[in-house]
Amino acid sequence: MKIFFSTRSIPALATRSLSERVRIMENAAKCLTTPEKTLLNLLKLLVIVPVFVLIIRTANDWHSLLWALVVFLLYPLIVKPIQYSLCAKYVPQVLSKERQ
């Protein structure tokens, strides 16, 4: 599986505008299979849960709040490339449906 860090790096979407790429990726996300959706949701949980744990720890150590902010800011850098990579294989299918 090739990792895409931007929708522009997906070959089928390279010439499209941002709004078109977003719309196509939303439609491609609807095509994900149940195991793929589960994997993506588990990844999101693995990133979000530590944020809440770190926020709870702020009673003992206020530096935990800074770490929670760092993890929260890294969320899109971790989740979006995986989401784009999972959805990329459904982009040709979505584009062919639009042409009909």
PDB file of N, CA and C in Angstrom:
ATOM      1  N   MET A   1       0.844  -1.173   0.000  1.00  0.00           N
ATOM      2  CA  MET A   1       0.000   0.000   0.000  1.00  0.00           C
ATOM      3  C   MET A   1       0.892   1.239   0.000  1.00  0.00           C
ATOM      4  N   LYS A   2       0.676   2.083  -0.963  1.00  0.00           N
ATOM      5  CA  LYS A   2       1.433   3.326  -1.059  1.00  0.00           C
ATOM      6  C   LYS A   2       0.790   4.369  -0.145  1.00  0.00           C
ATOM      7  N   ILE A   3       1.617   5.124   0.554  1.00  0.00           N
ATOM      8  CA  ILE A   3       1.131   6.145   1.476  1.00  0.00           C
ATOM      9  C   ILE A   3       1.056   7.485   0.739  1.00  0.00           C
ATOM     10  N   PHE A   4      -0.110   8.132   0.808  1.00  0.00           N
ATOM     11  CA  PHE A   4      -0.325   9.439   0.198  1.00  0.00           C
ATOM     12  C   PHE A   4      -0.482  10.464   1.317  1.00  0.00           C
ATOM     13  N   PHE A   5       0.344  11.501   1.312  1.00  0.00           N
ATOM     14  CA  PHE A   5       0.283  12.529   2.337  1.00  0.00           C
ATOM     15  C   PHE A   5      -0.633  13.682   1.949  1.00  0.00           C
ATOM     16  N   SER A   6      -1.073  13.705   0.705  1.00  0.00           N
ATOM     17  CA  SER A   6      -1.966  14.753   0.222  1.00  0.00           C
ATOM     18  C   SER A   6      -2.854  14.157  -0.856  1.00  0.00           C
ATOM     19  N   THR A   7      -4.037  14.728  -1.022  1.00  0.00           N
ATOM     20  CA  THR A   7      -4.912  14.245  -2.091  1.00  0.00           C
ATOM     21  C   THR A   7      -4.338  14.597  -3.457  1.00  0.00           C
ATOM     22  N   ARG A   8      -3.514  15.619  -3.501  1.00  0.00           N
ATOM     23  CA  ARG A   8      -2.886  16.008  -4.761  1.00  0.00           C
ATOM     24  C   ARG A   8      -1.882  14.949  -5.237  1.00  0.00           C
ATOM     25  N   SER A   9      -1.336  14.173  -4.329  1.00  0.00           N
ATOM     26  CA  SER A   9      -0.357  13.156  -4.719  1.00  0.00           C
ATOM     27  C   SER A   9      -1.002  11.874  -5.242  1.00  0.00           C
ATOM     28  N   ILE A  10      -2.318  11.771  -5.159  1.00  0.00           N
ATOM     29  CA  ILE A  10      -3.030  10.631  -5.747  1.00  0.00           C
ATOM     30  C   ILE A  10      -3.123  10.895  -7.252  1.00  0.00           C
ATOM     31  N   PRO A  11      -2.580  10.019  -8.076  1.00  0.00           N
ATOM     32  CA  PRO A  11      -2.480  10.297  -9.523  1.00  0.00           C
ATOM     33  C   PRO A  11      -3.817  10.664 -10.183  1.00  0.00           C
ATOM     34  N   ALA A  12      -4.890   9.990  -9.836  1.00  0.00           N
ATOM     35  CA  ALA A  12      -6.182  10.259 -10.474  1.00  0.00           C
ATOM     36  C   ALA A  12      -6.772  11.613 -10.071  1.00  0.00           C
ATOM     37  N   LEU A  13      -6.272  12.198  -8.993  1.00  0.00           N
ATOM     38  CA  LEU A  13      -6.812  13.467  -8.502  1.00  0.00           C
ATOM     39  C   LEU A  13      -5.865  14.644  -8.700  1.00  0.00           C
ATOM     40  N   ALA A  14      -4.722  14.413  -9.280  1.00  0.00           N
ATOM     41  CA  ALA A  14      -3.680  15.441  -9.369  1.00  0.00           C
ATOM     42  C   ALA A  14      -4.130  16.690 -10.122  1.00  0.00           C
ATOM     43  N   THR A  15      -4.972  16.542 -11.129  1.00  0.00           N
ATOM     44  CA  THR A  15      -5.374  17.693 -11.941  1.00  0.00           C
ATOM     45  C   THR A  15      -6.667  18.347 -11.467  1.00  0.00           C
ATOM     46  N   ARG A  16      -7.255  17.824 -10.425  1.00  0.00           N
ATOM     47  CA  ARG A  16      -8.551  18.334  -9.943  1.00  0.00           C
ATOM     48  C   ARG A  16      -8.365  19.472  -8.948  1.00  0.00           C
ATOM     49  N   SER A  17      -9.420  20.258  -8.785  1.00  0.00           N
ATOM     50  CA  SER A  17      -9.388  21.344  -7.794  1.00  0.00           C
ATOM     51  C   SER A  17      -9.566  20.757  -6.392  1.00  0.00           C
ATOM     52  N   LEU A  18      -9.295  21.564  -5.396  1.00  0.00           N
ATOM     53  CA  LEU A  18      -9.393  21.101  -4.008  1.00  0.00           C
ATOM     54  C   LEU A  18     -10.806  20.648  -3.673  1.00  0.00           C
ATOM     55  N   SER A  19     -11.805  21.406  -4.064  1.00  0.00           N
ATOM     56  CA  SER A  19     -13.185  21.033  -3.740  1.00  0.00           C
ATOM     57  C   SER A  19     -13.576  19.717  -4.407  1.00  0.00           C
ATOM     58  N   GLU A  20     -13.121  19.497  -5.635  1.00  0.00           N
ATOM     59  CA  GLU A  20     -13.399  18.227  -6.319  1.00  0.00           C
ATOM     60  C   GLU A  20     -12.691  17.072  -5.620  1.00  0.00           C
ATOM     61  N   ARG A  21     -11.436  17.288  -5.231  1.00  0.00           N
ATOM     62  CA  ARG A  21     -10.685  16.229  -4.544  1.00  0.00           C
ATOM     63  C   ARG A  21     -11.356  15.848  -3.233  1.00  0.00           C
ATOM     64  N   VAL A  22     -11.814  16.844  -2.489  1.00  0.00           N
ATOM     65  CA  VAL A  22     -12.475  16.570  -1.205  1.00  0.00           C
ATOM     66  C   VAL A  22     -13.759  15.784  -1.437  1.00  0.00           C
ATOM     67  N   ARG A  23     -14.549  16.190  -2.408  1.00  0.00           N
ATOM     68  CA  ARG A  23     -15.800  15.506  -2.701  1.00  0.00           C
ATOM     69  C   ARG A  23     -15.548  14.061  -3.138  1.00  0.00           C
ATOM     70  N   ILE A  24     -14.569  13.863  -3.986  1.00  0.00           N
ATOM     71  CA  ILE A  24     -14.253  12.514  -4.473  1.00  0.00           C
ATOM     72  C   ILE A  24     -13.749  11.649  -3.319  1.00  0.00           C
ATOM     73  N   MET A  25     -12.909  12.208  -2.438  1.00  0.00           N
ATOM     74  CA  MET A  25     -12.402  11.435  -1.308  1.00  0.00           C
ATOM     75  C   MET A  25     -13.517  11.082  -0.331  1.00  0.00           C
ATOM     76  N   GLU A  26     -14.493  11.968  -0.153  1.00  0.00           N
ATOM     77  CA  GLU A  26     -15.636  11.651   0.698  1.00  0.00           C
ATOM     78  C   GLU A  26     -16.428  10.490   0.122  1.00  0.00           C
ATOM     79  N   ASN A  27     -16.641  10.512  -1.186  1.00  0.00           N
ATOM     80  CA  ASN A  27     -17.353   9.407  -1.834  1.00  0.00           C
ATOM     81  C   ASN A  27     -16.541   8.119  -1.790  1.00  0.00           C
ATOM     82  N   ALA A  28     -15.233   8.236  -1.921  1.00  0.00           N
ATOM     83  CA  ALA A  28     -14.382   7.047  -1.835  1.00  0.00           C
ATOM     84  C   ALA A  28     -14.392   6.481  -0.425  1.00  0.00           C
ATOM     85  N   ALA A  29     -14.477   7.344   0.576  1.00  0.00           N
ATOM     86  CA  ALA A  29     -14.529   6.874   1.976  1.00  0.00           C
ATOM     87  C   ALA A  29     -15.803   6.082   2.233  1.00  0.00           C
ATOM     88  N   LYS A  30     -16.862   6.397   1.514  1.00  0.00           N
ATOM     89  CA  LYS A  30     -18.110   5.645   1.658  1.00  0.00           C
ATOM     90  C   LYS A  30     -17.978   4.234   1.101  1.00  0.00           C
ATOM     91  N   CYS A  31     -17.011   4.024   0.234  1.00  0.00           N
ATOM     92  CA  CYS A  31     -16.801   2.714  -0.380  1.00  0.00           C
ATOM     93  C   CYS A  31     -15.914   1.792   0.458  1.00  0.00           C
ATOM     94  N   LEU A  32     -15.341   2.302   1.529  1.00  0.00           N
ATOM     95  CA  LEU A  32     -14.451   1.473   2.355  1.00  0.00           C
ATOM     96  C   LEU A  32     -15.196   0.267   2.906  1.00  0.00           C
ATOM     97  N   THR A  33     -14.512  -0.842   2.964  1.00  0.00           N
ATOM     98  CA  THR A  33     -15.109  -2.045   3.527  1.00  0.00           C
ATOM     99  C   THR A  33     -15.144  -1.929   5.052  1.00  0.00           C
ATOM    100  N   THR A  34     -15.893  -2.801   5.681  1.00  0.00           N
ATOM    101  CA  THR A  34     -16.011  -2.769   7.142  1.00  0.00           C
ATOM    102  C   THR A  34     -14.667  -2.959   7.843  1.00  0.00           C
ATOM    103  N   PRO A  35     -13.821  -3.897   7.432  1.00  0.00           N
ATOM    104  CA  PRO A  35     -12.506  -4.010   8.085  1.00  0.00           C
ATOM    105  C   PRO A  35     -11.644  -2.761   7.913  1.00  0.00           C
ATOM    106  N   GLU A  36     -11.740  -2.117   6.758  1.00  0.00           N
ATOM    107  CA  GLU A  36     -10.960  -0.893   6.536  1.00  0.00           C
ATOM    108  C   GLU A  36     -11.462   0.242   7.427  1.00  0.00           C
ATOM    109  N   LYS A  37     -12.785   0.363   7.539  1.00  0.00           N
ATOM    110  CA  LYS A  37     -13.355   1.386   8.415  1.00  0.00           C
ATOM    111  C   LYS A  37     -12.974   1.120   9.871  1.00  0.00           C
ATOM    112  N   THR A  38     -12.999  -0.147  10.247  1.00  0.00           N
ATOM    113  CA  THR A  38     -12.626  -0.520  11.616  1.00  0.00           C
ATOM    114  C   THR A  38     -11.173  -0.188  11.884  1.00  0.00           C
ATOM    115  N   LEU A  39     -10.307  -0.510  10.963  1.00  0.00           N
ATOM    116  CA  LEU A  39      -8.887  -0.195  11.109  1.00  0.00           C
ATOM    117  C   LEU A  39      -8.669   1.309  11.254  1.00  0.00           C
ATOM    118  N   LEU A  40      -9.333   2.088  10.432  1.00  0.00           N
ATOM    119  CA  LEU A  40      -9.192   3.540  10.481  1.00  0.00           C
ATOM    120  C   LEU A  40      -9.721   4.093  11.803  1.00  0.00           C
ATOM    121  N   ASN A  41     -10.850   3.592  12.264  1.00  0.00           N
ATOM    122  CA  ASN A  41     -11.405   4.056  13.539  1.00  0.00           C
ATOM    123  C   ASN A  41     -10.539   3.647  14.724  1.00  0.00           C
ATOM    124  N   LEU A  42      -9.944   2.470  14.680  1.00  0.00           N
ATOM    125  CA  LEU A  42      -9.034   2.055  15.749  1.00  0.00           C
ATOM    126  C   LEU A  42      -7.783   2.940  15.773  1.00  0.00           C
ATOM    127  N   LEU A  43      -7.293   3.278  14.611  1.00  0.00           N
ATOM    128  CA  LEU A  43      -6.144   4.185  14.537  1.00  0.00           C
ATOM    129  C   LEU A  43      -6.488   5.540  15.148  1.00  0.00           C
ATOM    130  N   LYS A  44      -7.674   6.046  14.833  1.00  0.00           N
ATOM    131  CA  LYS A  44      -8.108   7.323  15.408  1.00  0.00           C
ATOM    132  C   LYS A  44      -8.182   7.233  16.930  1.00  0.00           C
ATOM    133  N   LEU A  45      -8.720   6.118  17.433  1.00  0.00           N
ATOM    134  CA  LEU A  45      -8.800   5.929  18.886  1.00  0.00           C
ATOM    135  C   LEU A  45      -7.424   5.868  19.523  1.00  0.00           C
ATOM    136  N   LEU A  46      -6.496   5.193  18.856  1.00  0.00           N
ATOM    137  CA  LEU A  46      -5.143   5.089  19.398  1.00  0.00           C
ATOM    138  C   LEU A  46      -4.448   6.446  19.489  1.00  0.00           C
ATOM    139  N   VAL A  47      -4.884   7.385  18.680  1.00  0.00           N
ATOM    140  CA  VAL A  47      -4.294   8.723  18.727  1.00  0.00           C
ATOM    141  C   VAL A  47      -5.039   9.611  19.724  1.00  0.00           C
ATOM    142  N   ILE A  48      -6.355   9.472  19.798  1.00  0.00           N
ATOM    143  CA  ILE A  48      -7.159  10.362  20.634  1.00  0.00           C
ATOM    144  C   ILE A  48      -7.106   9.994  22.118  1.00  0.00           C
ATOM    145  N   VAL A  49      -7.114   8.719  22.451  1.00  0.00           N
ATOM    146  CA  VAL A  49      -7.146   8.291  23.855  1.00  0.00           C
ATOM    147  C   VAL A  49      -5.957   8.834  24.657  1.00  0.00           C
ATOM    148  N   PRO A  50      -4.738   8.795  24.131  1.00  0.00           N
ATOM    149  CA  PRO A  50      -3.629   9.373  24.906  1.00  0.00           C
ATOM    150  C   PRO A  50      -3.807  10.860  25.219  1.00  0.00           C
ATOM    151  N   VAL A  51      -4.492  11.585  24.348  1.00  0.00           N
ATOM    152  CA  VAL A  51      -4.743  13.001  24.619  1.00  0.00           C
ATOM    153  C   VAL A  51      -5.552  13.148  25.893  1.00  0.00           C
ATOM    154  N   PHE A  52      -6.597  12.349  26.028  1.00  0.00           N
ATOM    155  CA  PHE A  52      -7.435  12.433  27.224  1.00  0.00           C
ATOM    156  C   PHE A  52      -6.708  11.935  28.472  1.00  0.00           C
ATOM    157  N   VAL A  53      -5.883  10.925  28.309  1.00  0.00           N
ATOM    158  CA  VAL A  53      -5.090  10.441  29.446  1.00  0.00           C
ATOM    159  C   VAL A  53      -4.124  11.528  29.908  1.00  0.00           C
ATOM    160  N   LEU A  54      -3.511  12.193  28.977  1.00  0.00           N
ATOM    161  CA  LEU A  54      -2.585  13.275  29.325  1.00  0.00           C
ATOM    162  C   LEU A  54      -3.311  14.454  29.962  1.00  0.00           C
ATOM    163  N   ILE A  55      -4.512  14.743  29.502  1.00  0.00           N
ATOM    164  CA  ILE A  55      -5.295  15.824  30.118  1.00  0.00           C
ATOM    165  C   ILE A  55      -5.654  15.470  31.559  1.00  0.00           C
ATOM    166  N   ILE A  56      -6.000  14.227  31.810  1.00  0.00           N
ATOM    167  CA  ILE A  56      -6.317  13.792  33.175  1.00  0.00           C
ATOM    168  C   ILE A  56      -5.092  13.912  34.080  1.00  0.00           C
ATOM    169  N   ARG A  57      -3.926  13.665  33.534  1.00  0.00           N
ATOM    170  CA  ARG A  57      -2.689  13.723  34.327  1.00  0.00           C
ATOM    171  C   ARG A  57      -2.251  15.148  34.652  1.00  0.00           C
ATOM    172  N   THR A  58      -2.924  16.153  34.126  1.00  0.00           N
ATOM    173  CA  THR A  58      -2.512  17.535  34.395  1.00  0.00           C
ATOM    174  C   THR A  58      -2.665  17.913  35.858  1.00  0.00           C
ATOM    175  N   ALA A  59      -3.468  17.175  36.616  1.00  0.00           N
ATOM    176  CA  ALA A  59      -3.597  17.446  38.053  1.00  0.00           C
ATOM    177  C   ALA A  59      -2.270  17.212  38.765  1.00  0.00           C
ATOM    178  N   ASN A  60      -1.480  16.264  38.283  1.00  0.00           N
ATOM    179  CA  ASN A  60      -0.187  15.948  38.893  1.00  0.00           C
ATOM    180  C   ASN A  60       0.974  16.684  38.234  1.00  0.00           C
ATOM    181  N   ASP A  61       0.872  16.875  36.943  1.00  0.00           N
ATOM    182  CA  ASP A  61       1.984  17.453  36.185  1.00  0.00           C
ATOM    183  C   ASP A  61       1.426  18.288  35.041  1.00  0.00           C
ATOM    184  N   TRP A  62       1.603  19.598  35.106  1.00  0.00           N
ATOM    185  CA  TRP A  62       1.017  20.464  34.093  1.00  0.00           C
ATOM    186  C   TRP A  62       1.686  20.308  32.728  1.00  0.00           C
ATOM    187  N   HIS A  63       2.860  19.702  32.692  1.00  0.00           N
ATOM    188  CA  HIS A  63       3.530  19.468  31.408  1.00  0.00           C
ATOM    189  C   HIS A  63       2.743  18.472  30.549  1.00  0.00           C
ATOM    190  N   SER A  64       1.925  17.677  31.179  1.00  0.00           N
ATOM    191  CA  SER A  64       1.099  16.726  30.433  1.00  0.00           C
ATOM    192  C   SER A  64       0.170  17.440  29.475  1.00  0.00           C
ATOM    193  N   LEU A  65      -0.263  18.638  29.855  1.00  0.00           N
ATOM    194  CA  LEU A  65      -1.141  19.414  28.977  1.00  0.00           C
ATOM    195  C   LEU A  65      -0.420  19.795  27.684  1.00  0.00           C
ATOM    196  N   LEU A  66       0.860  20.114  27.796  1.00  0.00           N
ATOM    197  CA  LEU A  66       1.642  20.438  26.597  1.00  0.00           C
ATOM    198  C   LEU A  66       1.798  19.212  25.695  1.00  0.00           C
ATOM    199  N   TRP A  67       2.046  18.055  26.310  1.00  0.00           N
ATOM    200  CA  TRP A  67       2.163  16.828  25.525  1.00  0.00           C
ATOM    201  C   TRP A  67       0.835  16.476  24.869  1.00  0.00           C
ATOM    202  N   ALA A  68      -0.269  16.716  25.577  1.00  0.00           N
ATOM    203  CA  ALA A  68      -1.589  16.464  24.990  1.00  0.00           C
ATOM    204  C   ALA A  68      -1.796  17.350  23.763  1.00  0.00           C
ATOM    205  N   LEU A  69      -1.369  18.592  23.850  1.00  0.00           N
ATOM    206  CA  LEU A  69      -1.479  19.505  22.711  1.00  0.00           C
ATOM    207  C   LEU A  69      -0.629  19.025  21.538  1.00  0.00           C
ATOM    208  N   VAL A  70       0.559  18.551  21.819  1.00  0.00           N
ATOM    209  CA  VAL A  70       1.440  18.047  20.760  1.00  0.00           C
ATOM    210  C   VAL A  70       0.812  16.836  20.063  1.00  0.00           C
ATOM    211  N   VAL A  71       0.290  15.911  20.855  1.00  0.00           N
ATOM    212  CA  VAL A  71      -0.340  14.716  20.271  1.00  0.00           C
ATOM    213  C   VAL A  71      -1.569  15.114  19.464  1.00  0.00           C
ATOM    214  N   PHE A  72      -2.349  16.057  19.981  1.00  0.00           N
ATOM    215  CA  PHE A  72      -3.541  16.524  19.277  1.00  0.00           C
ATOM    216  C   PHE A  72      -3.175  17.172  17.941  1.00  0.00           C
ATOM    217  N   LEU A  73      -2.103  17.934  17.910  1.00  0.00           N
ATOM    218  CA  LEU A  73      -1.675  18.578  16.668  1.00  0.00           C
ATOM    219  C   LEU A  73      -1.101  17.583  15.663  1.00  0.00           C
ATOM    220  N   LEU A  74      -0.568  16.468  16.152  1.00  0.00           N
ATOM    221  CA  LEU A  74      -0.031  15.444  15.259  1.00  0.00           C
ATOM    222  C   LEU A  74      -1.117  14.531  14.687  1.00  0.00           C
ATOM    223  N   TYR A  75      -2.316  14.619  15.223  1.00  0.00           N
ATOM    224  CA  TYR A  75      -3.430  13.769  14.791  1.00  0.00           C
ATOM    225  C   TYR A  75      -3.609  13.754  13.269  1.00  0.00           C
ATOM    226  N   PRO A  76      -3.732  14.925  12.607  1.00  0.00           N
ATOM    227  CA  PRO A  76      -3.906  14.879  11.149  1.00  0.00           C
ATOM    228  C   PRO A  76      -2.703  14.303  10.409  1.00  0.00           C
ATOM    229  N   LEU A  77      -1.512  14.495  10.940  1.00  0.00           N
ATOM    230  CA  LEU A  77      -0.323  13.963  10.277  1.00  0.00           C
ATOM    231  C   LEU A  77      -0.252  12.448  10.349  1.00  0.00           C
ATOM    232  N   ILE A  78      -0.919  11.876  11.322  1.00  0.00           N
ATOM    233  CA  ILE A  78      -0.914  10.421  11.482  1.00  0.00           C
ATOM    234  C   ILE A  78      -2.099   9.783  10.767  1.00  0.00           C
ATOM    235  N   VAL A  79      -3.286  10.351  10.943  1.00  0.00           N
ATOM    236  CA  VAL A  79      -4.508   9.712  10.459  1.00  0.00           C
ATOM    237  C   VAL A  79      -4.770   9.975   8.974  1.00  0.00           C
ATOM    238  N   LYS A  80      -4.599  11.195   8.532  1.00  0.00           N
ATOM    239  CA  LYS A  80      -4.956  11.540   7.147  1.00  0.00           C
ATOM    240  C   LYS A  80      -4.185  10.737   6.092  1.00  0.00           C
ATOM    241  N   PRO A  81      -2.877  10.535   6.204  1.00  0.00           N
ATOM    242  CA  PRO A  81      -2.205   9.729   5.179  1.00  0.00           C
ATOM    243  C   PRO A  81      -2.742   8.296   5.090  1.00  0.00           C
ATOM    244  N   ILE A  82      -3.076   7.719   6.229  1.00  0.00           N
ATOM    245  CA  ILE A  82      -3.644   6.372   6.211  1.00  0.00           C
ATOM    246  C   ILE A  82      -5.024   6.393   5.557  1.00  0.00           C
ATOM    247  N   GLN A  83      -5.824   7.400   5.898  1.00  0.00           N
ATOM    248  CA  GLN A  83      -7.152   7.526   5.309  1.00  0.00           C
ATOM    249  C   GLN A  83      -7.057   7.720   3.790  1.00  0.00           C
ATOM    250  N   TYR A  84      -6.168   8.591   3.349  1.00  0.00           N
ATOM    251  CA  TYR A  84      -5.994   8.812   1.911  1.00  0.00           C
ATOM    252  C   TYR A  84      -5.533   7.541   1.209  1.00  0.00           C
ATOM    253  N   SER A  85      -4.651   6.798   1.834  1.00  0.00           N
ATOM    254  CA  SER A  85      -4.129   5.575   1.223  1.00  0.00           C
ATOM    255  C   SER A  85      -5.202   4.504   1.116  1.00  0.00           C
ATOM    256  N   LEU A  86      -6.048   4.401   2.136  1.00  0.00           N
ATOM    257  CA  LEU A  86      -7.134   3.423   2.083  1.00  0.00           C
ATOM    258  C   LEU A  86      -8.179   3.798   1.032  1.00  0.00           C
ATOM    259  N   CYS A  87      -8.453   5.083   0.900  1.00  0.00           N
ATOM    260  CA  CYS A  87      -9.482   5.546  -0.034  1.00  0.00           C
ATOM    261  C   CYS A  87      -8.986   5.616  -1.476  1.00  0.00           C
ATOM    262  N   ALA A  88      -7.688   5.703  -1.678  1.00  0.00           N
ATOM    263  CA  ALA A  88      -7.134   5.901  -3.027  1.00  0.00           C
ATOM    264  C   ALA A  88      -7.528   4.791  -3.988  1.00  0.00           C
ATOM    265  N   LYS A  89      -7.646   3.577  -3.494  1.00  0.00           N
ATOM    266  CA  LYS A  89      -7.988   2.485  -4.407  1.00  0.00           C
ATOM    267  C   LYS A  89      -9.437   2.549  -4.877  1.00  0.00           C
ATOM    268  N   TYR A  90     -10.278   3.335  -4.221  1.00  0.00           N
ATOM    269  CA  TYR A  90     -11.677   3.476  -4.616  1.00  0.00           C
ATOM    270  C   TYR A  90     -11.918   4.713  -5.482  1.00  0.00           C
ATOM    271  N   VAL A  91     -10.918   5.544  -5.660  1.00  0.00           N
ATOM    272  CA  VAL A  91     -11.067   6.763  -6.460  1.00  0.00           C
ATOM    273  C   VAL A  91     -11.444   6.447  -7.909  1.00  0.00           C
ATOM    274  N   PRO A  92     -10.800   5.501  -8.604  1.00  0.00           N
ATOM    275  CA  PRO A  92     -11.226   5.209  -9.987  1.00  0.00           C
ATOM    276  C   PRO A  92     -12.683   4.750 -10.067  1.00  0.00           C
ATOM    277  N   GLN A  93     -13.121   4.006  -9.080  1.00  0.00           N
ATOM    278  CA  GLN A  93     -14.500   3.554  -9.041  1.00  0.00           C
ATOM    279  C   GLN A  93     -15.457   4.743  -8.903  1.00  0.00           C
ATOM    280  N   VAL A  94     -15.132   5.688  -8.050  1.00  0.00           N
ATOM    281  CA  VAL A  94     -15.960   6.878  -7.856  1.00  0.00           C
ATOM    282  C   VAL A  94     -15.961   7.727  -9.115  1.00  0.00           C
ATOM    283  N   LEU A  95     -14.798   7.893  -9.737  1.00  0.00           N
ATOM    284  CA  LEU A  95     -14.717   8.689 -10.961  1.00  0.00           C
ATOM    285  C   LEU A  95     -15.514   8.059 -12.093  1.00  0.00           C
ATOM    286  N   SER A  96     -15.500   6.731 -12.201  1.00  0.00           N
ATOM    287  CA  SER A  96     -16.267   6.064 -13.252  1.00  0.00           C
ATOM    288  C   SER A  96     -17.772   6.212 -13.002  1.00  0.00           C
ATOM    289  N   LYS A  97     -18.208   6.235 -11.756  1.00  0.00           N
ATOM    290  CA  LYS A  97     -19.627   6.451 -11.450  1.00  0.00           C
ATOM    291  C   LYS A  97     -20.041   7.871 -11.817  1.00  0.00           C
ATOM    292  N   GLU A  98     -19.146   8.837 -11.635  1.00  0.00           N
ATOM    293  CA  GLU A  98     -19.468  10.221 -11.966  1.00  0.00           C
ATOM    294  C   GLU A  98     -19.599  10.438 -13.471  1.00  0.00           C
ATOM    295  N   ARG A  99     -18.854   9.692 -14.254  1.00  0.00           N
ATOM    296  CA  ARG A  99     -18.890   9.855 -15.709  1.00  0.00           C
ATOM    297  C   ARG A  99     -20.178   9.322 -16.313  1.00  0.00           C
ATOM    298  N   GLN A 100     -20.823   8.425 -15.602  1.00  0.00           N
ATOM    299  CA  GLN A 100     -22.051   7.798 -16.145  1.00  0.00           C
ATOM    300  C   GLN A 100     -23.241   8.697 -16.017  1.00  0.00           C
TER     301      GLN A 100
END
